[in-house]
Amino acid sequence: MHLVLPLGGRGTRLLPHTRTRPKALLRLAGDTVLGHVLARLAGLRFERTTVVVSPDGGAVEDWLRQSLALGGGAHRGFRPGALDVVLQPEPLGQSQALALVADGLIGETLIVFADTLFEVDWSDVVGQTDGLDGHLFVQRVPDPSAYGVALLREDGTVASLIEKPTEPVSDLALLGVYHLRDGAALADAVRAQLDRGTTLGGEAYLADALTLLIQGGARLGTAPVGVWEDCGRPAEVISAQRYLLSSAWDAGQAPGGPDWLREPSALAAAYPNCSFLPPVAVAPDAALSGSVIGPRAAIGPGARVASSVLGPEVLVEPGAVVENSLVGPFVSLGAGSRGLSARLSDVILGVGAEVREAGLEASILSPGAKARGQAARLGLGEGETWDG
């Protein structure tokens, strides 16, 4: 199977966090958005993976190749097969991105737009002989005007697709995950769409190409998703982090390695002046003192926590420092970040970010950002500062 990851969008809805880095590399809950997406493709066998990037996408390629190298050719179970990176010079839409790789769209193809997190049962579609030419992953939404939507026939197959409908024709929104059994047929439909000049707001959307494919006789079905967390806007990223921090523990896959301390007796012996509310996972070289930790708190290697309360749903990455702070619920502190005399809830701190003498909620601080003083909610780009 051929995996295509179109990552050439501007990410303007995530400014200022995308001012200096692609949105796929926004980090939350211990991994980048792209990394979390790839983890959801673990177990599928890909002969080839093609990543379409914007002109600033060199960082995406660097991250991906470095991550795969560190993981022995895999990232959290995902293996790409042969890996290609293709430049999309201008953000002219989804179909234009696919047109750049159209000659390589042959055989079974999976297209995943990596700004959304999902949980699906791949066995429902991959390798099935259900007489369909492909599957579109969908979910019903209360307001479909921001999405592509599917209109169905009586037999449940897709009759047509409409991008960002102005009238309430369907509430069945497209997730951004498309499974096609004949990639070459999709390539032909994309070329035909671009020849016709079918666009919306100057962008060519895949929904129109798929509609041409259907009009040519392709039978496409829909497949449900168990979880859908969009990551297109800051508030959606915060919601996605809530899901990620919770689901790791719910699935019995607590963060950390095999040597991390998890048993209450082991934690109490290692840190006698701390109190723990299980489940908790702590790297053996973390320094903890005078703190209440948990439940559902994970503290990484070299991190330091003193005179603080952490939990629930908190992730402290390697080398981060927390002092005299109240952290949680739903907070991730990136490597080397610092929370000093802070109150944090629903907060993402990037690598090396710092919050000092501040109370924040529903906030994202990109790498190296610094905030001090009273604030309710902040969104700081890389290296930006705020002093209240």
Protein backbone atom coordinates (compact mmCIF):
# COMPACT_ATOMS: atom_id res chain seq x y z
CA MET A 1 0.00 0.00 0.00
CA HIS A 2 1.15 3.55 -0.81
CA LEU A 3 0.75 6.16 1.93
CA VAL A 4 0.48 9.83 0.93
CA LEU A 5 0.79 12.54 3.59
CA PRO A 6 -0.08 15.99 2.17
CA LEU A 7 1.52 18.53 4.53
CA GLY A 8 1.80 21.58 2.29
CA GLY A 9 -0.79 23.85 3.93
CA ARG A 10 0.14 27.19 5.49
CA GLY A 11 -1.30 26.48 8.94
CA THR A 12 -2.59 30.05 9.23
CA ARG A 13 -5.31 29.02 11.69
CA LEU A 14 -2.56 28.03 14.15
CA LEU A 15 -0.65 31.28 14.11
CA PRO A 16 1.52 32.37 15.89
CA HIS A 17 2.67 28.78 16.53
CA THR A 18 3.18 28.08 12.82
CA ARG A 19 5.12 31.26 12.13
CA THR A 20 8.46 29.48 12.39
CA ARG A 21 7.57 25.80 11.98
CA PRO A 22 5.08 23.66 10.01
CA LYS A 23 1.87 22.80 11.82
CA ALA A 24 2.67 19.08 11.58
CA LEU A 25 5.56 19.69 14.00
CA LEU A 26 3.48 21.36 16.70
CA ARG A 27 4.22 19.29 19.78
CA LEU A 28 1.62 18.18 22.31
CA ALA A 29 1.37 15.35 24.82
CA GLY A 30 4.91 14.15 24.20
CA ASP A 31 5.01 14.03 20.39
CA THR A 32 4.41 16.13 17.31
CA VAL A 33 1.01 16.14 15.63
CA LEU A 34 2.59 14.21 12.78
CA GLY A 35 4.10 11.72 15.21
CA HIS A 36 0.73 11.06 16.81
CA VAL A 37 -0.80 10.52 13.35
CA LEU A 38 1.94 8.08 12.35
CA ALA A 39 1.36 6.10 15.56
CA ARG A 40 -2.20 5.56 14.37
CA LEU A 41 -0.88 3.96 11.20
CA ALA A 42 1.25 1.43 13.07
CA GLY A 43 0.49 -2.12 12.03
CA LEU A 44 -0.29 -1.24 8.42
CA ARG A 45 2.22 -2.39 5.84
CA PHE A 46 3.40 0.32 3.45
CA GLU A 47 5.64 -0.32 0.48
CA ARG A 48 6.05 3.40 0.00
CA THR A 49 5.34 6.67 1.81
CA THR A 50 5.25 10.03 0.04
CA VAL A 51 5.24 13.23 2.08
CA VAL A 52 4.21 16.46 0.34
CA VAL A 53 5.66 19.50 2.10
CA SER A 54 5.58 23.28 1.79
CA PRO A 55 8.73 25.33 1.10
CA ASP A 56 9.46 25.37 4.85
CA GLY A 57 8.95 21.60 5.02
CA GLY A 58 12.63 20.79 5.33
CA ALA A 59 12.04 20.66 9.06
CA VAL A 60 9.37 18.00 8.52
CA GLU A 61 11.75 15.83 6.51
CA ASP A 62 14.51 16.30 9.07
CA TRP A 63 12.21 15.40 11.96
CA LEU A 64 10.83 12.36 10.16
CA ARG A 65 14.18 10.94 9.11
CA GLN A 66 15.73 11.57 12.53
CA SER A 67 12.77 10.01 14.32
CA LEU A 68 12.85 6.93 12.09
CA ALA A 69 16.61 6.61 12.60
CA LEU A 70 16.24 6.78 16.38
CA GLY A 71 13.49 4.16 16.24
CA GLY A 72 15.41 1.71 14.10
CA GLY A 73 13.34 2.54 11.02
CA ALA A 74 10.06 3.06 12.85
CA HIS A 75 8.21 5.74 14.78
CA ARG A 76 5.97 4.29 17.48
CA GLY A 77 5.37 1.22 15.32
CA PHE A 78 4.94 3.04 12.01
CA ARG A 79 7.25 1.93 9.20
CA PRO A 80 7.16 3.96 5.97
CA GLY A 81 8.73 1.59 3.48
CA ALA A 82 10.49 3.61 0.77
CA LEU A 83 10.26 7.28 1.78
CA ASP A 84 9.90 10.17 -0.69
CA VAL A 85 9.53 13.88 0.08
CA VAL A 86 7.98 16.15 -2.57
CA LEU A 87 7.82 19.96 -2.50
CA GLN A 88 4.52 21.78 -3.01
CA PRO A 89 5.74 25.28 -3.98
CA GLU A 90 2.41 27.03 -3.37
CA PRO A 91 -0.55 26.07 -1.15
CA LEU A 92 -3.04 25.71 -3.99
CA GLY A 93 -5.05 22.92 -2.43
CA GLN A 94 -5.31 19.24 -1.67
CA SER A 95 -5.74 18.08 -5.26
CA GLN A 96 -2.82 20.16 -6.43
CA ALA A 97 -0.67 18.42 -3.81
CA LEU A 98 -1.77 15.03 -5.11
CA ALA A 99 -1.17 16.09 -8.71
CA LEU A 100 2.50 16.53 -7.83
CA VAL A 101 2.72 12.82 -7.02
CA ALA A 102 0.09 11.59 -9.48
CA ASP A 103 2.52 9.50 -11.53
CA GLY A 104 3.31 7.46 -8.44
CA LEU A 105 -0.30 6.80 -7.41
CA ILE A 106 -0.53 3.15 -8.37
CA GLY A 107 -2.50 0.41 -6.64
CA GLU A 108 -3.88 0.55 -3.12
CA THR A 109 -3.44 4.05 -1.73
CA LEU A 110 -4.07 5.63 1.67
CA ILE A 111 -4.19 9.44 1.88
CA VAL A 112 -3.97 11.00 5.35
CA PHE A 113 -4.01 14.72 6.06
CA ALA A 114 -1.86 14.96 9.15
CA ASP A 115 -3.64 17.73 11.04
CA THR A 116 -6.23 15.45 12.60
CA LEU A 117 -6.04 12.63 15.13
CA PHE A 118 -8.26 9.60 14.83
CA GLU A 119 -8.92 6.07 16.01
CA VAL A 120 -10.17 3.67 13.36
CA ASP A 121 -10.41 -0.06 12.79
CA TRP A 122 -8.28 -0.63 9.70
CA SER A 123 -9.48 -4.21 9.38
CA ASP A 124 -12.84 -2.81 8.22
CA VAL A 125 -11.30 -1.53 4.99
CA VAL A 126 -7.74 -2.70 4.31
CA GLY A 127 -7.56 -6.07 2.60
CA GLN A 128 -11.34 -6.46 2.42
CA THR A 129 -13.16 -7.80 -0.62
CA ASP A 130 -16.37 -5.83 -0.23
CA GLY A 131 -16.80 -4.86 -3.88
CA LEU A 132 -15.99 -1.21 -3.18
CA ASP A 133 -13.32 0.87 -4.87
CA GLY A 134 -12.44 2.75 -1.73
CA HIS A 135 -13.54 4.14 1.61
CA LEU A 136 -13.90 7.62 3.05
CA PHE A 137 -13.64 7.98 6.83
CA VAL A 138 -16.48 10.14 8.12
CA GLN A 139 -18.24 11.39 11.21
CA ARG A 140 -21.45 13.31 11.77
CA VAL A 141 -20.92 16.88 12.97
CA PRO A 142 -23.35 19.56 14.15
CA ASP A 143 -21.93 22.22 11.80
CA PRO A 144 -20.65 20.79 8.51
CA SER A 145 -19.96 24.17 6.86
CA ALA A 146 -16.23 23.98 7.61
CA TYR A 147 -15.75 20.50 6.14
CA GLY A 148 -16.18 18.45 3.04
CA VAL A 149 -19.33 16.34 3.37
CA ALA A 150 -20.59 13.13 1.80
CA LEU A 151 -24.02 12.57 0.27
CA LEU A 152 -25.06 8.92 0.24
CA ARG A 153 -27.19 6.75 -1.96
CA GLU A 154 -29.82 4.41 -0.53
CA ASP A 155 -27.34 1.53 -0.64
CA GLY A 156 -24.91 3.47 1.54
CA THR A 157 -22.35 4.23 -1.15
CA VAL A 158 -21.22 7.80 -1.77
CA ALA A 159 -23.21 9.69 -4.41
CA SER A 160 -21.15 12.90 -4.33
CA LEU A 161 -19.03 15.14 -2.11
CA ILE A 162 -19.39 18.84 -1.41
CA GLU A 163 -16.63 20.98 0.09
CA LYS A 164 -17.72 23.48 2.77
CA PRO A 165 -21.43 23.47 1.92
CA THR A 166 -23.36 26.70 2.33
CA GLU A 167 -26.63 24.76 2.61
CA PRO A 168 -27.27 21.91 5.10
CA VAL A 169 -27.15 19.11 2.53
CA SER A 170 -25.35 16.61 4.77
CA ASP A 171 -23.82 16.43 8.24
CA LEU A 172 -21.49 13.55 7.31
CA ALA A 173 -18.07 15.24 7.46
CA LEU A 174 -14.92 13.93 5.82
CA LEU A 175 -12.20 13.16 8.33
CA GLY A 176 -9.25 13.65 5.97
CA VAL A 177 -8.44 9.94 5.61
CA TYR A 178 -9.11 8.33 2.21
CA HIS A 179 -8.55 4.71 1.18
CA LEU A 180 -8.53 3.99 -2.57
CA ARG A 181 -7.90 0.62 -4.17
CA ASP A 182 -6.80 2.16 -7.50
CA GLY A 183 -4.51 5.13 -6.99
CA ALA A 184 -4.10 5.59 -10.75
CA ALA A 185 -7.83 6.21 -11.15
CA LEU A 186 -7.65 8.89 -8.47
CA ALA A 187 -4.67 10.45 -10.26
CA ASP A 188 -6.73 10.68 -13.44
CA ALA A 189 -9.60 12.32 -11.55
CA VAL A 190 -7.23 14.86 -9.96
CA ARG A 191 -5.79 15.76 -13.36
CA ALA A 192 -9.30 16.15 -14.79
CA GLN A 193 -10.32 18.41 -11.91
CA LEU A 194 -7.30 20.67 -12.36
CA ASP A 195 -7.91 20.80 -16.13
CA ARG A 196 -11.45 22.00 -15.43
CA GLY A 197 -10.19 24.57 -12.94
CA THR A 198 -12.60 23.45 -10.21
CA THR A 199 -11.57 25.35 -7.08
CA LEU A 200 -13.03 26.95 -3.96
CA GLY A 201 -11.40 30.10 -2.67
CA GLY A 202 -8.48 29.52 -5.01
CA GLU A 203 -7.81 25.99 -3.73
CA ALA A 204 -8.49 22.67 -5.43
CA TYR A 205 -10.15 20.30 -2.96
CA LEU A 206 -10.00 16.54 -3.08
CA ALA A 207 -13.78 16.31 -2.66
CA ASP A 208 -14.23 17.51 -6.24
CA ALA A 209 -11.76 14.98 -7.64
CA LEU A 210 -13.45 12.17 -5.74
CA THR A 211 -16.83 13.28 -7.11
CA LEU A 212 -15.39 12.98 -10.63
CA LEU A 213 -14.14 9.51 -9.70
CA ILE A 214 -17.64 8.55 -8.56
CA GLN A 215 -19.21 9.97 -11.71
CA GLY A 216 -16.83 7.76 -13.66
CA GLY A 217 -18.30 4.68 -12.00
CA ALA A 218 -16.23 4.20 -8.84
CA ARG A 219 -18.15 2.83 -5.85
CA LEU A 220 -16.93 4.41 -2.62
CA GLY A 221 -18.16 3.50 0.82
CA THR A 222 -17.85 5.25 4.16
CA ALA A 223 -16.12 4.02 7.29
CA PRO A 224 -16.72 5.24 10.83
CA VAL A 225 -14.17 6.64 13.26
CA GLY A 226 -14.11 5.94 16.96
CA VAL A 227 -12.32 9.18 17.79
CA TRP A 228 -11.78 12.35 15.78
CA GLU A 229 -9.71 15.22 17.16
CA ASP A 230 -9.01 18.03 14.72
CA CYS A 231 -5.79 20.01 15.23
CA GLY A 232 -6.47 22.93 12.93
CA ARG A 233 -6.98 25.64 15.56
CA PRO A 234 -5.43 26.31 19.00
CA ALA A 235 -8.61 25.37 20.89
CA GLU A 236 -8.77 22.10 18.95
CA VAL A 237 -5.13 21.36 19.78
CA ILE A 238 -5.93 21.83 23.47
CA SER A 239 -8.85 19.41 23.11
CA ALA A 240 -6.63 16.91 21.30
CA GLN A 241 -4.11 17.04 24.13
CA ARG A 242 -6.87 16.26 26.62
CA TYR A 243 -7.69 13.15 24.63
CA LEU A 244 -4.06 12.08 24.23
CA LEU A 245 -3.14 12.49 27.88
CA SER A 246 -6.22 10.55 28.96
CA SER A 247 -6.12 7.81 26.35
CA ALA A 248 -2.55 6.75 27.13
CA TRP A 249 -3.57 5.73 30.63
CA ASP A 250 -6.97 4.39 29.58
CA ALA A 251 -5.28 2.01 27.16
CA GLY A 252 -2.93 0.78 29.85
CA GLN A 253 0.04 2.22 28.02
CA ALA A 254 1.42 4.63 30.59
CA PRO A 255 4.24 6.83 29.31
CA GLY A 256 7.82 5.80 30.02
CA GLY A 257 10.24 2.94 29.71
CA PRO A 258 10.43 -0.43 31.45
CA ASP A 259 12.69 0.93 34.20
CA TRP A 260 10.32 3.73 35.25
CA LEU A 261 8.90 3.58 38.76
CA ARG A 262 5.18 2.84 38.90
CA GLU A 263 4.43 0.74 41.94
CA PRO A 264 3.35 2.85 44.96
CA SER A 265 5.84 1.11 47.22
CA ALA A 266 8.74 1.77 44.82
CA LEU A 267 7.75 5.41 44.43
CA ALA A 268 7.43 5.90 48.19
CA ALA A 269 10.85 4.34 48.77
CA ALA A 270 12.55 6.47 46.13
CA TYR A 271 10.84 9.73 47.13
CA PRO A 272 9.86 9.50 50.82
CA ASN A 273 8.86 13.17 51.17
CA CYS A 274 6.38 13.05 48.28
CA SER A 275 2.83 11.72 48.10
CA PHE A 276 1.62 9.72 45.10
CA LEU A 277 -1.90 9.15 43.81
CA PRO A 278 -1.66 6.25 41.35
CA PRO A 279 -1.37 5.71 38.51
CA VAL A 280 1.96 7.54 38.27
CA ALA A 281 5.08 6.88 36.18
CA VAL A 282 8.44 8.42 37.08
CA ALA A 283 11.83 8.04 35.41
CA PRO A 284 14.36 6.72 37.93
CA ASP A 285 16.65 9.75 37.62
CA ALA A 286 13.92 12.38 38.10
CA ALA A 287 14.33 14.56 41.19
CA LEU A 288 11.15 14.94 43.24
CA SER A 289 10.74 16.63 46.61
CA GLY A 290 7.92 17.92 48.78
CA SER A 291 5.26 17.35 46.13
CA VAL A 292 1.95 15.61 45.53
CA ILE A 293 2.02 13.67 42.25
CA GLY A 294 -0.93 12.12 40.39
CA PRO A 295 -3.14 10.63 39.43
CA ARG A 296 -2.13 10.02 35.80
CA ALA A 297 1.10 11.95 35.96
CA ALA A 298 4.29 10.98 34.11
CA ILE A 299 7.66 12.59 34.85
CA GLY A 300 10.53 12.06 32.45
CA PRO A 301 14.30 11.59 32.81
CA GLY A 302 16.21 14.40 34.45
CA ALA A 303 13.07 16.34 35.30
CA ARG A 304 12.87 18.17 38.63
CA VAL A 305 9.69 18.77 40.65
CA ALA A 306 9.76 20.57 44.00
CA SER A 307 7.05 21.84 46.33
CA SER A 308 4.35 21.37 43.74
CA VAL A 309 1.11 19.54 43.00
CA LEU A 310 0.95 17.71 39.65
CA GLY A 311 -2.14 16.00 38.26
CA PRO A 312 -4.32 14.74 36.99
CA GLU A 313 -3.29 14.13 33.35
CA VAL A 314 0.16 15.73 33.41
CA LEU A 315 3.24 14.91 31.33
CA VAL A 316 6.62 16.34 32.32
CA GLU A 317 9.19 15.73 29.59
CA PRO A 318 12.94 15.23 30.12
CA GLY A 319 14.79 18.03 31.86
CA ALA A 320 11.70 20.12 32.65
CA VAL A 321 11.55 21.94 35.99
CA VAL A 322 8.48 22.55 38.14
CA GLU A 323 8.77 24.50 41.38
CA ASN A 324 6.14 25.90 43.76
CA SER A 325 3.45 25.27 41.20
CA LEU A 326 0.01 23.79 40.74
CA VAL A 327 0.01 21.88 37.44
CA GLY A 328 -3.02 20.13 35.97
CA PRO A 329 -5.31 18.96 34.75
CA PHE A 330 -4.24 18.30 31.15
CA VAL A 331 -0.79 19.86 30.98
CA SER A 332 2.32 18.87 29.05
CA LEU A 333 5.67 20.47 29.78
CA GLY A 334 8.17 20.09 26.94
CA ALA A 335 11.79 19.12 27.41
CA GLY A 336 13.71 21.75 29.32
CA SER A 337 10.64 23.88 30.01
CA ARG A 338 10.05 25.55 33.35
CA GLY A 339 6.99 26.18 35.49
CA LEU A 340 7.98 28.41 38.40
CA SER A 341 5.37 29.59 40.90
CA ALA A 342 2.78 28.86 38.22
CA ARG A 343 -0.81 27.61 38.04
CA LEU A 344 -1.42 25.71 34.82
CA SER A 345 -4.42 23.88 33.40
CA ASP A 346 -5.01 22.81 29.79
CA VAL A 347 -1.58 24.17 28.89
CA ILE A 348 1.06 23.09 26.37
CA LEU A 349 4.59 24.30 27.05
CA GLY A 350 7.00 23.83 24.17
CA VAL A 351 10.64 22.88 24.47
CA GLY A 352 12.45 25.40 26.66
CA ALA A 353 9.35 27.51 27.31
CA GLU A 354 8.91 29.14 30.72
CA VAL A 355 5.99 30.31 32.84
CA ARG A 356 6.90 32.27 35.95
CA GLU A 357 4.54 33.69 38.56
CA ALA A 358 1.58 33.29 36.24
CA GLY A 359 -1.74 31.49 36.09
CA LEU A 360 -2.62 30.11 32.66
CA GLU A 361 -5.42 28.01 31.23
CA ALA A 362 -6.12 26.79 27.70
CA SER A 363 -2.81 28.19 26.51
CA ILE A 364 -0.01 27.18 24.14
CA LEU A 365 3.54 28.46 24.45
CA SER A 366 5.78 27.52 21.54
CA PRO A 367 9.44 26.56 22.09
CA GLY A 368 11.44 29.19 23.92
CA ALA A 369 8.42 31.39 24.72
CA LYS A 370 8.31 33.04 28.14
CA ALA A 371 5.35 34.33 30.17
CA ARG A 372 5.38 36.14 33.49
CA GLY A 373 2.62 37.77 35.49
CA GLN A 374 -1.13 37.40 35.52
CA ALA A 375 -2.89 36.15 32.40
CA ALA A 376 -5.90 34.01 31.64
CA ARG A 377 -5.03 32.59 28.23
CA LEU A 378 -2.00 33.03 26.02
CA GLY A 379 -0.80 31.92 22.63
CA LEU A 380 2.88 32.73 22.22
CA GLY A 381 4.93 31.88 19.16
CA GLU A 382 8.48 30.61 19.22
CA GLY A 383 10.71 32.84 21.36
CA GLU A 384 7.96 35.37 22.12
CA THR A 385 7.62 36.90 25.57
CA TRP A 386 4.72 38.23 27.61
CA ASP A 387 5.05 40.17 30.85
CA GLY A 388 1.86 41.02 32.63
